[in-house]
Amino acid sequence: MNTINDATANPPSPPIVIIFGRPGSGKSTVANEALHLLQLSPTNNDSNNNNQRSNIQVKALDLDVCVPQWMKDNFNKGIYPTLDQRRDFA
């Protein structure tokens, strides 16, 4: 009887990383460098470290481009959206 390895049958979900911070705190710089390092890391199966690239698919979205101006103005004043406003934004 053949059995399928659980890891093969049900591969783990890819991690999701969200970086939060104040405007100008370097979120994009940190995220871009992390993505660069991830894409350059050797594959898990490459025990000889042959500079193979990881089989990583990356989706980066800068939510700053989606934030309306009134919300940006409020952020600068230290005013953050209400829960209802956050739901609408999402």
Protein backbone atom coordinates (compact mmCIF):
# COMPACT_ATOMS: atom_id res chain seq x y z
CA MET A 1 0.00 0.00 0.00
CA ASN A 2 1.36 3.40 -0.99
CA THR A 3 1.18 6.26 1.47
CA ILE A 4 1.64 9.91 0.75
CA ASN A 5 3.85 11.97 2.99
CA ASP A 6 1.67 14.50 4.84
CA ALA A 7 4.05 17.33 3.93
CA THR A 8 3.61 16.50 0.25
CA ALA A 9 -0.14 16.01 0.45
CA ASN A 10 -0.72 19.11 2.57
CA PRO A 11 2.13 21.54 2.02
CA PRO A 12 2.31 24.31 4.62
CA SER A 13 0.72 27.63 3.75
CA PRO A 14 3.20 30.30 2.75
CA PRO A 15 3.99 32.83 5.46
CA ILE A 16 2.43 36.25 5.27
CA VAL A 17 4.43 39.14 6.65
CA ILE A 18 3.00 42.60 7.24
CA ILE A 19 5.28 45.47 8.23
CA PHE A 20 3.72 48.33 10.19
CA GLY A 21 5.28 51.61 11.19
CA ARG A 22 4.98 55.35 11.12
CA PRO A 23 5.52 57.26 7.87
CA GLY A 24 9.21 57.60 7.11
CA SER A 25 10.25 54.84 9.53
CA GLY A 26 11.83 52.72 6.78
CA LYS A 27 9.14 50.06 6.24
CA SER A 28 9.65 49.93 2.49
CA THR A 29 13.45 49.88 2.80
CA VAL A 30 13.33 46.98 5.26
CA ALA A 31 10.75 45.08 3.19
CA ASN A 32 12.67 45.52 -0.06
CA GLU A 33 15.91 44.29 1.50
CA ALA A 34 14.16 41.31 3.13
CA LEU A 35 12.58 40.35 -0.21
CA HIS A 36 15.95 40.65 -1.91
CA LEU A 37 17.58 38.38 0.68
CA LEU A 38 14.77 35.82 0.46
CA GLN A 39 15.05 35.65 -3.30
CA LEU A 40 18.82 35.12 -3.08
CA SER A 41 18.74 32.46 -0.37
CA PRO A 42 19.68 28.91 -1.43
CA THR A 43 16.92 26.34 -1.77
CA ASN A 44 16.23 24.03 1.14
CA ASN A 45 17.36 21.03 -0.90
CA ASP A 46 20.67 22.58 -1.89
CA SER A 47 22.98 21.18 0.77
CA ASN A 48 26.03 22.24 -1.26
CA ASN A 49 24.93 25.88 -1.31
CA ASN A 50 25.25 26.10 -5.10
CA ASN A 51 23.73 29.57 -5.30
CA GLN A 52 20.42 28.18 -6.50
CA ARG A 53 17.57 30.58 -6.01
CA SER A 54 14.70 29.78 -3.69
CA ASN A 55 11.41 28.89 -5.31
CA ILE A 56 9.71 31.85 -3.66
CA GLN A 57 6.81 33.81 -5.04
CA VAL A 58 6.52 37.25 -3.55
CA LYS A 59 3.63 39.68 -3.67
CA ALA A 60 4.46 43.10 -2.28
CA LEU A 61 1.80 45.75 -1.87
CA ASP A 62 2.50 49.19 -0.52
CA LEU A 63 -0.78 50.18 1.11
CA ASP A 64 0.39 53.80 1.36
CA VAL A 65 -0.75 54.29 -2.23
CA CYS A 66 -4.27 53.22 -1.20
CA VAL A 67 -4.60 55.53 1.81
CA PRO A 68 -6.84 58.55 1.17
CA GLN A 69 -5.40 61.99 1.84
CA TRP A 70 -7.74 62.69 4.79
CA MET A 71 -6.41 59.55 6.50
CA LYS A 72 -2.78 60.59 5.84
CA ASP A 73 -3.53 64.04 7.26
CA ASN A 74 -5.02 62.45 10.37
CA PHE A 75 -2.03 60.10 10.77
CA ASN A 76 0.26 63.13 10.82
CA LYS A 77 -1.86 64.55 13.67
CA GLY A 78 -1.74 61.25 15.58
CA ILE A 79 -5.39 60.48 14.76
CA TYR A 80 -5.97 56.91 13.66
CA PRO A 81 -9.01 55.44 11.89
CA THR A 82 -11.91 54.03 13.84
CA LEU A 83 -12.64 50.32 13.65
CA ASP A 84 -15.44 51.01 11.14
CA GLN A 85 -13.10 53.13 9.01
CA ARG A 86 -10.49 50.35 9.11
CA ARG A 87 -13.07 47.83 7.94
CA ASP A 88 -14.08 50.13 5.09
CA PHE A 89 -10.43 50.58 4.11
CA ALA A 90 -9.80 46.81 4.15
